Structure formats: structure tokens, C-alpha cells
Full PDB file with SEQRES, HELIX, SHEET, SSBOND, CRYST1, ORIGX, SCALE, CONECT and MASTER records, all heavy atoms in Angstrom:
SEQRES   1 A   39  SER GLN LEU ILE LEU VAL ASP TYR ALA ASN MET ARG ASP          
SEQRES   2 A   39  ALA ASN ASN GLN ASN ASP LYS ARG CYS ASP LEU PRO LEU          
SEQRES   3 A   39  GLU LEU LYS ASN LYS LEU ALA LYS HIS LYS GLN ALA ASP          
HELIX    1 AA1 LEU A   24  LYS A   34  1                                  11    
CRYST1    1.000    1.000    1.000  90.00  90.00  90.00 P 1           1          
ORIGX1      1.000000  0.000000  0.000000        0.00000                         
ORIGX2      0.000000  1.000000  0.000000        0.00000                         
ORIGX3      0.000000  0.000000  1.000000        0.00000                         
SCALE1      1.000000  0.000000  0.000000        0.00000                         
SCALE2      0.000000  1.000000  0.000000        0.00000                         
SCALE3      0.000000  0.000000  1.000000        0.00000                         
ATOM      1  N   SER A   1      86.084  97.110 124.127  1.00  0.00           N  
ATOM      2  CA  SER A   1      87.270  97.491 123.353  1.00  0.00           C  
ATOM      3  C   SER A   1      88.045  96.329 122.788  1.00  0.00           C  
ATOM      4  O   SER A   1      89.098  96.535 122.121  1.00  0.00           O  
ATOM      5  CB  SER A   1      88.228  98.375 124.228  1.00  0.00           C  
ATOM      6  OG  SER A   1      87.624  99.615 124.485  1.00  0.00           O  
ATOM      7  N   GLN A   2      87.626  95.071 123.028  1.00  0.00           N  
ATOM      8  CA  GLN A   2      88.278  93.957 122.363  1.00  0.00           C  
ATOM      9  C   GLN A   2      87.995  94.024 120.857  1.00  0.00           C  
ATOM     10  O   GLN A   2      86.950  94.494 120.389  1.00  0.00           O  
ATOM     11  CB  GLN A   2      87.758  92.622 122.924  1.00  0.00           C  
ATOM     12  CG  GLN A   2      88.238  92.347 124.332  1.00  0.00           C  
ATOM     13  CD  GLN A   2      87.798  90.998 124.841  1.00  0.00           C  
ATOM     14  OE1 GLN A   2      86.802  90.450 124.388  1.00  0.00           O  
ATOM     15  NE2 GLN A   2      88.530  90.479 125.794  1.00  0.00           N  
ATOM     16  N   LEU A   3      88.960  93.529 120.066  1.00  0.00           N  
ATOM     17  CA  LEU A   3      88.888  93.652 118.608  1.00  0.00           C  
ATOM     18  C   LEU A   3      88.733  92.306 117.913  1.00  0.00           C  
ATOM     19  O   LEU A   3      89.461  91.363 118.236  1.00  0.00           O  
ATOM     20  CB  LEU A   3      90.180  94.348 118.128  1.00  0.00           C  
ATOM     21  CG  LEU A   3      90.421  95.739 118.625  1.00  0.00           C  
ATOM     22  CD1 LEU A   3      91.739  96.303 118.132  1.00  0.00           C  
ATOM     23  CD2 LEU A   3      89.292  96.709 118.272  1.00  0.00           C  
ATOM     24  N   ILE A   4      87.847  92.286 116.952  1.00  0.00           N  
ATOM     25  CA  ILE A   4      87.581  91.090 116.154  1.00  0.00           C  
ATOM     26  C   ILE A   4      87.833  91.466 114.710  1.00  0.00           C  
ATOM     27  O   ILE A   4      87.131  92.333 114.146  1.00  0.00           O  
ATOM     28  CB  ILE A   4      86.178  90.552 116.372  1.00  0.00           C  
ATOM     29  CG1 ILE A   4      86.019  90.089 117.803  1.00  0.00           C  
ATOM     30  CG2 ILE A   4      85.854  89.424 115.381  1.00  0.00           C  
ATOM     31  CD1 ILE A   4      84.613  89.589 118.160  1.00  0.00           C  
ATOM     32  N   LEU A   5      88.799  90.836 114.104  1.00  0.00           N  
ATOM     33  CA  LEU A   5      89.146  91.132 112.684  1.00  0.00           C  
ATOM     34  C   LEU A   5      88.535  90.040 111.805  1.00  0.00           C  
ATOM     35  O   LEU A   5      88.717  88.851 112.037  1.00  0.00           O  
ATOM     36  CB  LEU A   5      90.661  91.126 112.542  1.00  0.00           C  
ATOM     37  CG  LEU A   5      91.193  91.588 111.171  1.00  0.00           C  
ATOM     38  CD1 LEU A   5      90.885  93.049 110.943  1.00  0.00           C  
ATOM     39  CD2 LEU A   5      92.706  91.328 111.076  1.00  0.00           C  
ATOM     40  N   VAL A   6      87.802  90.487 110.798  1.00  0.00           N  
ATOM     41  CA  VAL A   6      87.167  89.565 109.858  1.00  0.00           C  
ATOM     42  C   VAL A   6      87.888  89.695 108.499  1.00  0.00           C  
ATOM     43  O   VAL A   6      87.706  90.693 107.791  1.00  0.00           O  
ATOM     44  CB  VAL A   6      85.645  89.863 109.689  1.00  0.00           C  
ATOM     45  CG1 VAL A   6      85.028  88.794 108.783  1.00  0.00           C  
ATOM     46  CG2 VAL A   6      84.956  89.873 111.039  1.00  0.00           C  
ATOM     47  N   ASP A   7      88.785  88.742 108.228  1.00  0.00           N  
ATOM     48  CA  ASP A   7      89.621  88.687 107.054  1.00  0.00           C  
ATOM     49  C   ASP A   7      90.748  89.754 107.118  1.00  0.00           C  
ATOM     50  O   ASP A   7      90.637  90.774 107.844  1.00  0.00           O  
ATOM     51  CB  ASP A   7      88.836  88.869 105.747  1.00  0.00           C  
ATOM     52  CG  ASP A   7      87.911  87.668 105.478  1.00  0.00           C  
ATOM     53  OD1 ASP A   7      88.359  86.549 105.691  1.00  0.00           O  
ATOM     54  OD2 ASP A   7      86.749  87.867 105.081  1.00  0.00           O  
ATOM     55  N   TYR A   8      91.830  89.430 106.408  1.00  0.00           N  
ATOM     56  CA  TYR A   8      92.976  90.341 106.348  1.00  0.00           C  
ATOM     57  C   TYR A   8      93.515  90.266 104.920  1.00  0.00           C  
ATOM     58  O   TYR A   8      93.974  89.196 104.479  1.00  0.00           O  
ATOM     59  CB  TYR A   8      94.065  89.922 107.325  1.00  0.00           C  
ATOM     60  CG  TYR A   8      95.290  90.771 107.264  1.00  0.00           C  
ATOM     61  CD1 TYR A   8      95.499  91.843 108.135  1.00  0.00           C  
ATOM     62  CD2 TYR A   8      96.306  90.510 106.338  1.00  0.00           C  
ATOM     63  CE1 TYR A   8      96.621  92.651 108.073  1.00  0.00           C  
ATOM     64  CE2 TYR A   8      97.442  91.301 106.241  1.00  0.00           C  
ATOM     65  CZ  TYR A   8      97.606  92.368 107.125  1.00  0.00           C  
ATOM     66  OH  TYR A   8      98.737  93.130 107.051  1.00  0.00           O  
ATOM     67  N   ALA A   9      93.411  91.362 104.199  1.00  0.00           N  
ATOM     68  CA  ALA A   9      93.901  91.364 102.801  1.00  0.00           C  
ATOM     69  C   ALA A   9      94.641  92.643 102.535  1.00  0.00           C  
ATOM     70  O   ALA A   9      94.070  93.690 102.253  1.00  0.00           O  
ATOM     71  CB  ALA A   9      92.703  91.249 101.844  1.00  0.00           C  
ATOM     72  N   ASN A  10      95.959  92.564 102.663  1.00  0.00           N  
ATOM     73  CA  ASN A  10      96.802  93.717 102.402  1.00  0.00           C  
ATOM     74  C   ASN A  10      97.119  93.786 100.914  1.00  0.00           C  
ATOM     75  O   ASN A  10      98.126  93.288 100.444  1.00  0.00           O  
ATOM     76  CB  ASN A  10      98.114  93.627 103.209  1.00  0.00           C  
ATOM     77  CG  ASN A  10      98.992  94.835 103.061  1.00  0.00           C  
ATOM     78  OD1 ASN A  10      98.506  95.939 102.694  1.00  0.00           O  
ATOM     79  ND2 ASN A  10     100.251  94.693 103.348  1.00  0.00           N  
ATOM     80  N   MET A  11      96.215  94.435 100.163  1.00  0.00           N  
ATOM     81  CA  MET A  11      96.292  94.417  98.702  1.00  0.00           C  
ATOM     82  C   MET A  11      97.059  95.575  98.106  1.00  0.00           C  
ATOM     83  O   MET A  11      97.367  95.583  96.919  1.00  0.00           O  
ATOM     84  CB  MET A  11      94.863  94.449  98.122  1.00  0.00           C  
ATOM     85  CG  MET A  11      93.938  93.412  98.705  1.00  0.00           C  
ATOM     86  SD  MET A  11      94.498  91.697  98.423  1.00  0.00           S  
ATOM     87  CE  MET A  11      94.207  91.477  96.691  1.00  0.00           C  
ATOM     88  N   ARG A  12      97.451  96.564  98.888  1.00  0.00           N  
ATOM     89  CA  ARG A  12      98.080  97.739  98.345  1.00  0.00           C  
ATOM     90  C   ARG A  12      99.495  97.466  97.837  1.00  0.00           C  
ATOM     91  O   ARG A  12     100.277  96.762  98.447  1.00  0.00           O  
ATOM     92  CB  ARG A  12      98.152  98.828  99.434  1.00  0.00           C  
ATOM     93  CG  ARG A  12      98.632 100.189  98.931  1.00  0.00           C  
ATOM     94  CD  ARG A  12      98.521 101.256  99.986  1.00  0.00           C  
ATOM     95  NE  ARG A  12      98.851 102.568  99.469  1.00  0.00           N  
ATOM     96  CZ  ARG A  12     100.087 103.043  99.434  1.00  0.00           C  
ATOM     97  NH1 ARG A  12     101.081 102.342  99.933  1.00  0.00           N  
ATOM     98  NH2 ARG A  12     100.311 104.258  98.931  1.00  0.00           N  
ATOM     99  N   ASP A  13      99.799  98.050  96.705  1.00  0.00           N  
ATOM    100  CA  ASP A  13     101.134  97.976  96.117  1.00  0.00           C  
ATOM    101  C   ASP A  13     101.947  99.153  96.684  1.00  0.00           C  
ATOM    102  O   ASP A  13     101.745 100.316  96.272  1.00  0.00           O  
ATOM    103  CB  ASP A  13     101.065  98.059  94.600  1.00  0.00           C  
ATOM    104  CG  ASP A  13     102.440  97.980  93.930  1.00  0.00           C  
ATOM    105  OD1 ASP A  13     103.467  97.944  94.660  1.00  0.00           O  
ATOM    106  OD2 ASP A  13     102.479  98.002  92.672  1.00  0.00           O  
ATOM    107  N   ALA A  14     102.839  98.864  97.588  1.00  0.00           N  
ATOM    108  CA  ALA A  14     103.577  99.948  98.276  1.00  0.00           C  
ATOM    109  C   ALA A  14     104.461 100.721  97.297  1.00  0.00           C  
ATOM    110  O   ALA A  14     104.881 101.868  97.610  1.00  0.00           O  
ATOM    111  CB  ALA A  14     104.437  99.338  99.398  1.00  0.00           C  
ATOM    112  N   ASN A  15     104.789 100.146  96.153  1.00  0.00           N  
ATOM    113  CA  ASN A  15     105.646 100.821  95.183  1.00  0.00           C  
ATOM    114  C   ASN A  15     104.862 101.695  94.201  1.00  0.00           C  
ATOM    115  O   ASN A  15     105.474 102.353  93.349  1.00  0.00           O  
ATOM    116  CB  ASN A  15     106.440  99.779  94.389  1.00  0.00           C  
ATOM    117  CG  ASN A  15     107.359  98.999  95.283  1.00  0.00           C  
ATOM    118  OD1 ASN A  15     108.027  99.535  96.145  1.00  0.00           O  
ATOM    119  ND2 ASN A  15     107.404  97.672  95.104  1.00  0.00           N  
ATOM    120  N   ASN A  16     103.534 101.676  94.311  1.00  0.00           N  
ATOM    121  CA  ASN A  16     102.707 102.485  93.405  1.00  0.00           C  
ATOM    122  C   ASN A  16     102.046 103.603  94.194  1.00  0.00           C  
ATOM    123  O   ASN A  16     101.103 103.383  94.968  1.00  0.00           O  
ATOM    124  CB  ASN A  16     101.621 101.569  92.794  1.00  0.00           C  
ATOM    125  CG  ASN A  16     100.741 102.305  91.812  1.00  0.00           C  
ATOM    126  OD1 ASN A  16     100.874 103.528  91.573  1.00  0.00           O  
ATOM    127  ND2 ASN A  16      99.775 101.587  91.245  1.00  0.00           N  
ATOM    128  N   GLN A  17     102.551 104.832  93.985  1.00  0.00           N  
ATOM    129  CA  GLN A  17     102.034 105.952  94.709  1.00  0.00           C  
ATOM    130  C   GLN A  17     100.592 106.290  94.369  1.00  0.00           C  
ATOM    131  O   GLN A  17      99.902 106.998  95.111  1.00  0.00           O  
ATOM    132  CB  GLN A  17     102.927 107.187  94.428  1.00  0.00           C  
ATOM    133  CG  GLN A  17     104.344 107.032  94.942  1.00  0.00           C  
ATOM    134  CD  GLN A  17     104.424 106.838  96.426  1.00  0.00           C  
ATOM    135  OE1 GLN A  17     103.747 107.561  97.194  1.00  0.00           O  
ATOM    136  NE2 GLN A  17     105.201 105.897  96.888  1.00  0.00           N  
ATOM    137  N   ASN A  18     100.108 105.761  93.259  1.00  0.00           N  
ATOM    138  CA  ASN A  18      98.750 106.032  92.832  1.00  0.00           C  
ATOM    139  C   ASN A  18      97.763 104.968  93.319  1.00  0.00           C  
ATOM    140  O   ASN A  18      96.554 105.069  93.011  1.00  0.00           O  
ATOM    141  CB  ASN A  18      98.681 106.124  91.302  1.00  0.00           C  
ATOM    142  CG  ASN A  18      99.462 107.309  90.769  1.00  0.00           C  
ATOM    143  OD1 ASN A  18      99.404 108.386  91.328  1.00  0.00           O  
ATOM    144  ND2 ASN A  18     100.195 107.079  89.672  1.00  0.00           N  
ATOM    145  N   ASP A  19      98.237 103.996  94.048  1.00  0.00           N  
ATOM    146  CA  ASP A  19      97.348 102.937  94.584  1.00  0.00           C  
ATOM    147  C   ASP A  19      96.474 103.531  95.665  1.00  0.00           C  
ATOM    148  O   ASP A  19      97.002 104.023  96.691  1.00  0.00           O  
ATOM    149  CB  ASP A  19      98.181 101.805  95.093  1.00  0.00           C  
ATOM    150  CG  ASP A  19      97.357 100.538  95.304  1.00  0.00           C  
ATOM    151  OD1 ASP A  19      96.153 100.631  95.598  1.00  0.00           O  
ATOM    152  OD2 ASP A  19      97.913  99.419  95.230  1.00  0.00           O  
ATOM    153  N   LYS A  20      95.165 103.523  95.496  1.00  0.00           N  
ATOM    154  CA  LYS A  20      94.245 104.111  96.413  1.00  0.00           C  
ATOM    155  C   LYS A  20      93.878 103.228  97.601  1.00  0.00           C  
ATOM    156  O   LYS A  20      93.230 103.645  98.566  1.00  0.00           O  
ATOM    157  CB  LYS A  20      92.923 104.508  95.709  1.00  0.00           C  
ATOM    158  CG  LYS A  20      93.118 105.424  94.511  1.00  0.00           C  
ATOM    159  CD  LYS A  20      93.706 106.753  94.882  1.00  0.00           C  
ATOM    160  CE  LYS A  20      93.807 107.669  93.665  1.00  0.00           C  
ATOM    161  NZ  LYS A  20      94.457 108.934  93.995  1.00  0.00           N  
ATOM    162  N   ARG A  21      94.279 101.967  97.527  1.00  0.00           N  
ATOM    163  CA  ARG A  21      93.975 101.040  98.619  1.00  0.00           C  
ATOM    164  C   ARG A  21      94.818 101.445  99.871  1.00  0.00           C  
ATOM    165  O   ARG A  21      95.933 101.891  99.746  1.00  0.00           O  
ATOM    166  CB  ARG A  21      94.269  99.602  98.200  1.00  0.00           C  
ATOM    167  CG  ARG A  21      93.330  99.132  97.083  1.00  0.00           C  
ATOM    168  CD  ARG A  21      93.730  97.811  96.464  1.00  0.00           C  
ATOM    169  NE  ARG A  21      94.986  97.892  95.704  1.00  0.00           N  
ATOM    170  CZ  ARG A  21      95.449  96.955  94.945  1.00  0.00           C  
ATOM    171  NH1 ARG A  21      94.786  95.837  94.820  1.00  0.00           N  
ATOM    172  NH2 ARG A  21      96.601  97.124  94.324  1.00  0.00           N  
ATOM    173  N   CYS A  22      94.231 101.193 101.038  1.00  0.00           N  
ATOM    174  CA  CYS A  22      94.866 101.697 102.261  1.00  0.00           C  
ATOM    175  C   CYS A  22      96.068 100.853 102.658  1.00  0.00           C  
ATOM    176  O   CYS A  22      96.258  99.706 102.221  1.00  0.00           O  
ATOM    177  CB  CYS A  22      93.851 101.721 103.398  1.00  0.00           C  
ATOM    178  SG  CYS A  22      93.417 100.093 104.051  1.00  0.00           S  
ATOM    179  N   ASP A  23      96.897 101.443 103.505  1.00  0.00           N  
ATOM    180  CA  ASP A  23      98.029 100.737 104.101  1.00  0.00           C  
ATOM    181  C   ASP A  23      97.465  99.938 105.278  1.00  0.00           C  
ATOM    182  O   ASP A  23      97.393 100.449 106.398  1.00  0.00           O  
ATOM    183  CB  ASP A  23      99.082 101.763 104.577  1.00  0.00           C  
ATOM    184  CG  ASP A  23     100.314 101.101 105.136  1.00  0.00           C  
ATOM    185  OD1 ASP A  23     100.257  99.938 105.564  1.00  0.00           O  
ATOM    186  OD2 ASP A  23     101.381 101.784 105.155  1.00  0.00           O  
ATOM    187  N   LEU A  24      97.018  98.726 105.037  1.00  0.00           N  
ATOM    188  CA  LEU A  24      96.293  97.981 106.024  1.00  0.00           C  
ATOM    189  C   LEU A  24      97.049  97.701 107.325  1.00  0.00           C  
ATOM    190  O   LEU A  24      96.533  97.897 108.421  1.00  0.00           O  
ATOM    191  CB  LEU A  24      95.766  96.658 105.430  1.00  0.00           C  
ATOM    192  CG  LEU A  24      94.864  95.843 106.312  1.00  0.00           C  
ATOM    193  CD1 LEU A  24      93.581  96.625 106.689  1.00  0.00           C  
ATOM    194  CD2 LEU A  24      94.494  94.512 105.660  1.00  0.00           C  
ATOM    195  N   PRO A  25      98.321  97.274 107.248  1.00  0.00           N  
ATOM    196  CA  PRO A  25      99.048  97.070 108.497  1.00  0.00           C  
ATOM    197  C   PRO A  25      99.135  98.299 109.367  1.00  0.00           C  
ATOM    198  O   PRO A  25      98.926  98.231 110.583  1.00  0.00           O  
ATOM    199  CB  PRO A  25     100.462  96.638 108.023  1.00  0.00           C  
ATOM    200  CG  PRO A  25     100.218  96.044 106.680  1.00  0.00           C  
ATOM    201  CD  PRO A  25      99.134  96.888 106.083  1.00  0.00           C  
ATOM    202  N   LEU A  26      99.369  99.452 108.748  1.00  0.00           N  
ATOM    203  CA  LEU A  26      99.453 100.698 109.497  1.00  0.00           C  
ATOM    204  C   LEU A  26      98.092 101.039 110.131  1.00  0.00           C  
ATOM    205  O   LEU A  26      98.008 101.428 111.317  1.00  0.00           O  
ATOM    206  CB  LEU A  26      99.880 101.818 108.581  1.00  0.00           C  
ATOM    207  CG  LEU A  26      99.951 103.231 109.208  1.00  0.00           C  
ATOM    208  CD1 LEU A  26     100.897 103.271 110.399  1.00  0.00           C  
ATOM    209  CD2 LEU A  26     100.326 104.280 108.178  1.00  0.00           C  
ATOM    210  N   GLU A  27      97.021 100.900 109.344  1.00  0.00           N  
ATOM    211  CA  GLU A  27      95.693 101.218 109.872  1.00  0.00           C  
ATOM    212  C   GLU A  27      95.310 100.324 111.065  1.00  0.00           C  
ATOM    213  O   GLU A  27      94.748 100.793 112.049  1.00  0.00           O  
ATOM    214  CB  GLU A  27      94.634 101.102 108.767  1.00  0.00           C  
ATOM    215  CG  GLU A  27      94.806 102.087 107.613  1.00  0.00           C  
ATOM    216  CD  GLU A  27      94.635 103.540 108.027  1.00  0.00           C  
ATOM    217  OE1 GLU A  27      94.107 103.795 109.125  1.00  0.00           O  
ATOM    218  OE2 GLU A  27      95.007 104.405 107.222  1.00  0.00           O  
ATOM    219  N   LEU A  28      95.643  99.038 110.949  1.00  0.00           N  
ATOM    220  CA  LEU A  28      95.297  98.119 112.042  1.00  0.00           C  
ATOM    221  C   LEU A  28      96.147  98.379 113.270  1.00  0.00           C  
ATOM    222  O   LEU A  28      95.635  98.285 114.398  1.00  0.00           O  
ATOM    223  CB  LEU A  28      95.453  96.684 111.576  1.00  0.00           C  
ATOM    224  CG  LEU A  28      94.399  96.203 110.584  1.00  0.00           C  
ATOM    225  CD1 LEU A  28      94.667  94.753 110.124  1.00  0.00           C  
ATOM    226  CD2 LEU A  28      93.007  96.284 111.186  1.00  0.00           C  
ATOM    227  N   LYS A  29      97.408  98.719 113.094  1.00  0.00           N  
ATOM    228  CA  LYS A  29      98.244  99.038 114.261  1.00  0.00           C  
ATOM    229  C   LYS A  29      97.723 100.282 114.940  1.00  0.00           C  
ATOM    230  O   LYS A  29      97.730 100.368 116.182  1.00  0.00           O  
ATOM    231  CB  LYS A  29      99.701  99.254 113.775  1.00  0.00           C  
ATOM    232  CG  LYS A  29     100.405  97.970 113.440  1.00  0.00           C  
ATOM    233  CD  LYS A  29     101.829  98.241 112.923  1.00  0.00           C  
ATOM    234  CE  LYS A  29     102.481  96.919 112.506  1.00  0.00           C  
ATOM    235  NZ  LYS A  29     103.849  97.171 111.940  1.00  0.00           N  
ATOM    236  N   ASN A  30      97.232 101.242 114.163  1.00  0.00           N  
ATOM    237  CA  ASN A  30      96.637 102.460 114.776  1.00  0.00           C  
ATOM    238  C   ASN A  30      95.394 102.135 115.507  1.00  0.00           C  
ATOM    239  O   ASN A  30      95.096 102.701 116.579  1.00  0.00           O  
ATOM    240  CB  ASN A  30      96.384 103.468 113.683  1.00  0.00           C  
ATOM    241  CG  ASN A  30      97.656 104.130 113.131  1.00  0.00           C  
ATOM    242  OD1 ASN A  30      98.692 104.104 113.786  1.00  0.00           O  
ATOM    243  ND2 ASN A  30      97.564 104.680 111.950  1.00  0.00           N  
ATOM    244  N   LYS A  31      94.581 101.187 114.978  1.00  0.00           N  
ATOM    245  CA  LYS A  31      93.362 100.783 115.679  1.00  0.00           C  
ATOM    246  C   LYS A  31      93.676 100.079 117.007  1.00  0.00           C  
ATOM    247  O   LYS A  31      93.005 100.288 118.023  1.00  0.00           O  
ATOM    248  CB  LYS A  31      92.499  99.870 114.778  1.00  0.00           C  
ATOM    249  CG  LYS A  31      91.855 100.593 113.587  1.00  0.00           C  
ATOM    250  CD  LYS A  31      90.757 101.534 114.083  1.00  0.00           C  
ATOM    251  CE  LYS A  31      90.009 102.132 112.872  1.00  0.00           C  
ATOM    252  NZ  LYS A  31      88.998 103.091 113.305  1.00  0.00           N  
ATOM    253  N   LEU A  32      94.689  99.195 116.966  1.00  0.00           N  
ATOM    254  CA  LEU A  32      95.095  98.528 118.203  1.00  0.00           C  
ATOM    255  C   LEU A  32      95.525  99.541 119.249  1.00  0.00           C  
ATOM    256  O   LEU A  32      95.122  99.430 120.398  1.00  0.00           O  
ATOM    257  CB  LEU A  32      96.236  97.558 117.887  1.00  0.00           C  
ATOM    258  CG  LEU A  32      95.889  96.248 117.174  1.00  0.00           C  
ATOM    259  CD1 LEU A  32      97.127  95.625 116.569  1.00  0.00           C  
ATOM    260  CD2 LEU A  32      95.220  95.271 118.113  1.00  0.00           C  
ATOM    261  N   ALA A  33      96.297 100.540 118.828  1.00  0.00           N  
ATOM    262  CA  ALA A  33      96.755 101.556 119.765  1.00  0.00           C  
ATOM    263  C   ALA A  33      95.601 102.370 120.277  1.00  0.00           C  
ATOM    264  O   ALA A  33      95.517 102.679 121.485  1.00  0.00           O  
ATOM    265  CB  ALA A  33      97.787 102.441 119.087  1.00  0.00           C  
ATOM    266  N   LYS A  34      94.704 102.772 119.396  1.00  0.00           N  
ATOM    267  CA  LYS A  34      93.548 103.608 119.802  1.00  0.00           C  
ATOM    268  C   LYS A  34      92.708 102.926 120.849  1.00  0.00           C  
ATOM    269  O   LYS A  34      92.276 103.573 121.812  1.00  0.00           O  
ATOM    270  CB  LYS A  34      92.689 103.915 118.565  1.00  0.00           C  
ATOM    271  CG  LYS A  34      91.410 104.668 118.872  1.00  0.00           C  
ATOM    272  CD  LYS A  34      90.546 104.867 117.634  1.00  0.00           C  
ATOM    273  CE  LYS A  34      89.226 105.555 117.990  1.00  0.00           C  
ATOM    274  NZ  LYS A  34      88.378 105.766 116.794  1.00  0.00           N  
ATOM    275  N   HIS A  35      92.513 101.622 120.696  1.00  0.00           N  
ATOM    276  CA  HIS A  35      91.666 100.886 121.648  1.00  0.00           C  
ATOM    277  C   HIS A  35      92.449 100.209 122.747  1.00  0.00           C  
ATOM    278  O   HIS A  35      91.892  99.424 123.521  1.00  0.00           O  
ATOM    279  CB  HIS A  35      90.841  99.857 120.875  1.00  0.00           C  
ATOM    280  CG  HIS A  35      89.867 100.487 119.876  1.00  0.00           C  
ATOM    281  ND1 HIS A  35      88.761 101.223 120.312  1.00  0.00           N  
ATOM    282  CD2 HIS A  35      89.890 100.534 118.563  1.00  0.00           C  
ATOM    283  CE1 HIS A  35      88.129 101.652 119.231  1.00  0.00           C  
ATOM    284  NE2 HIS A  35      88.774 101.265 118.170  1.00  0.00           N  
ATOM    285  N   LYS A  36      93.751 100.521 122.829  1.00  0.00           N  
ATOM    286  CA  LYS A  36      94.633 100.030 123.907  1.00  0.00           C  
ATOM    287  C   LYS A  36      94.633  98.488 123.973  1.00  0.00           C  
ATOM    288  O   LYS A  36      94.560  97.921 125.042  1.00  0.00           O  
ATOM    289  CB  LYS A  36      94.199 100.641 125.249  1.00  0.00           C  
ATOM    290  CG  LYS A  36      94.303 102.159 125.255  1.00  0.00           C  
ATOM    291  CD  LYS A  36      93.872 102.749 126.615  1.00  0.00           C  
ATOM    292  CE  LYS A  36      93.971 104.276 126.573  1.00  0.00           C  
ATOM    293  NZ  LYS A  36      93.558 104.886 127.879  1.00  0.00           N  
ATOM    294  N   GLN A  37      94.756  97.901 122.780  1.00  0.00           N  
ATOM    295  CA  GLN A  37      94.792  96.444 122.675  1.00  0.00           C  
ATOM    296  C   GLN A  37      96.161  96.032 122.073  1.00  0.00           C  
ATOM    297  O   GLN A  37      96.616  96.649 121.101  1.00  0.00           O  
ATOM    298  CB  GLN A  37      93.674  95.949 121.804  1.00  0.00           C  
ATOM    299  CG  GLN A  37      92.293  96.279 122.274  1.00  0.00           C  
ATOM    300  CD  GLN A  37      91.919  95.570 123.563  1.00  0.00           C  
ATOM    301  OE1 GLN A  37      91.963  94.336 123.664  1.00  0.00           O  
ATOM    302  NE2 GLN A  37      91.535  96.354 124.569  1.00  0.00           N  
ATOM    303  N   ALA A  38      96.736  95.018 122.628  1.00  0.00           N  
ATOM    304  CA  ALA A  38      97.995  94.479 122.086  1.00  0.00           C  
ATOM    305  C   ALA A  38      97.727  93.446 121.015  1.00  0.00           C  
ATOM    306  O   ALA A  38      98.525  93.254 120.068  1.00  0.00           O  
ATOM    307  CB  ALA A  38      98.867  93.884 123.198  1.00  0.00           C  
ATOM    308  N   ASP A  39      96.580  92.707 121.181  1.00  0.00           N  
ATOM    309  CA  ASP A  39      96.299  91.586 120.331  1.00  0.00           C  
ATOM    310  C   ASP A  39      94.826  91.655 119.888  1.00  0.00           C  
ATOM    311  O   ASP A  39      94.026  92.413 120.396  1.00  0.00           O  
ATOM    312  CB  ASP A  39      96.526  90.274 121.089  1.00  0.00           C  
ATOM    313  CG  ASP A  39      97.921  90.195 121.685  1.00  0.00           C  
ATOM    314  OD1 ASP A  39      98.866  90.459 120.949  1.00  0.00           O  
ATOM    315  OD2 ASP A  39      98.017  89.905 122.902  1.00  0.00           O  
TER     316      ASP A  39                                                      
MASTER        0    0    0    1    0    0    0    6  315    1    0    3          
END                                                                             
């Protein structure tokens, strides 16, 4: 359950509702919580 992140690119424009790129910080926080990892 340890996590290894390869690159970090938060490319989404939060002000553009049509931007299809994911909310990377939110997704990664959810992954940390799912796998019970703080870091």
C-alpha cells in the first residue's frame, strides 16, 4: 500500500468548467486516503 508518484502536473484550469483534465490534487488526496497513507 505504499505509494510512488511519478511526476506531478496539475494542468487543469479551475476557472474553466469545460476543462476535461482531472483535479489532480483532489484525486491524489483520495488515493492517499483510500490506501491509508499520509505521505
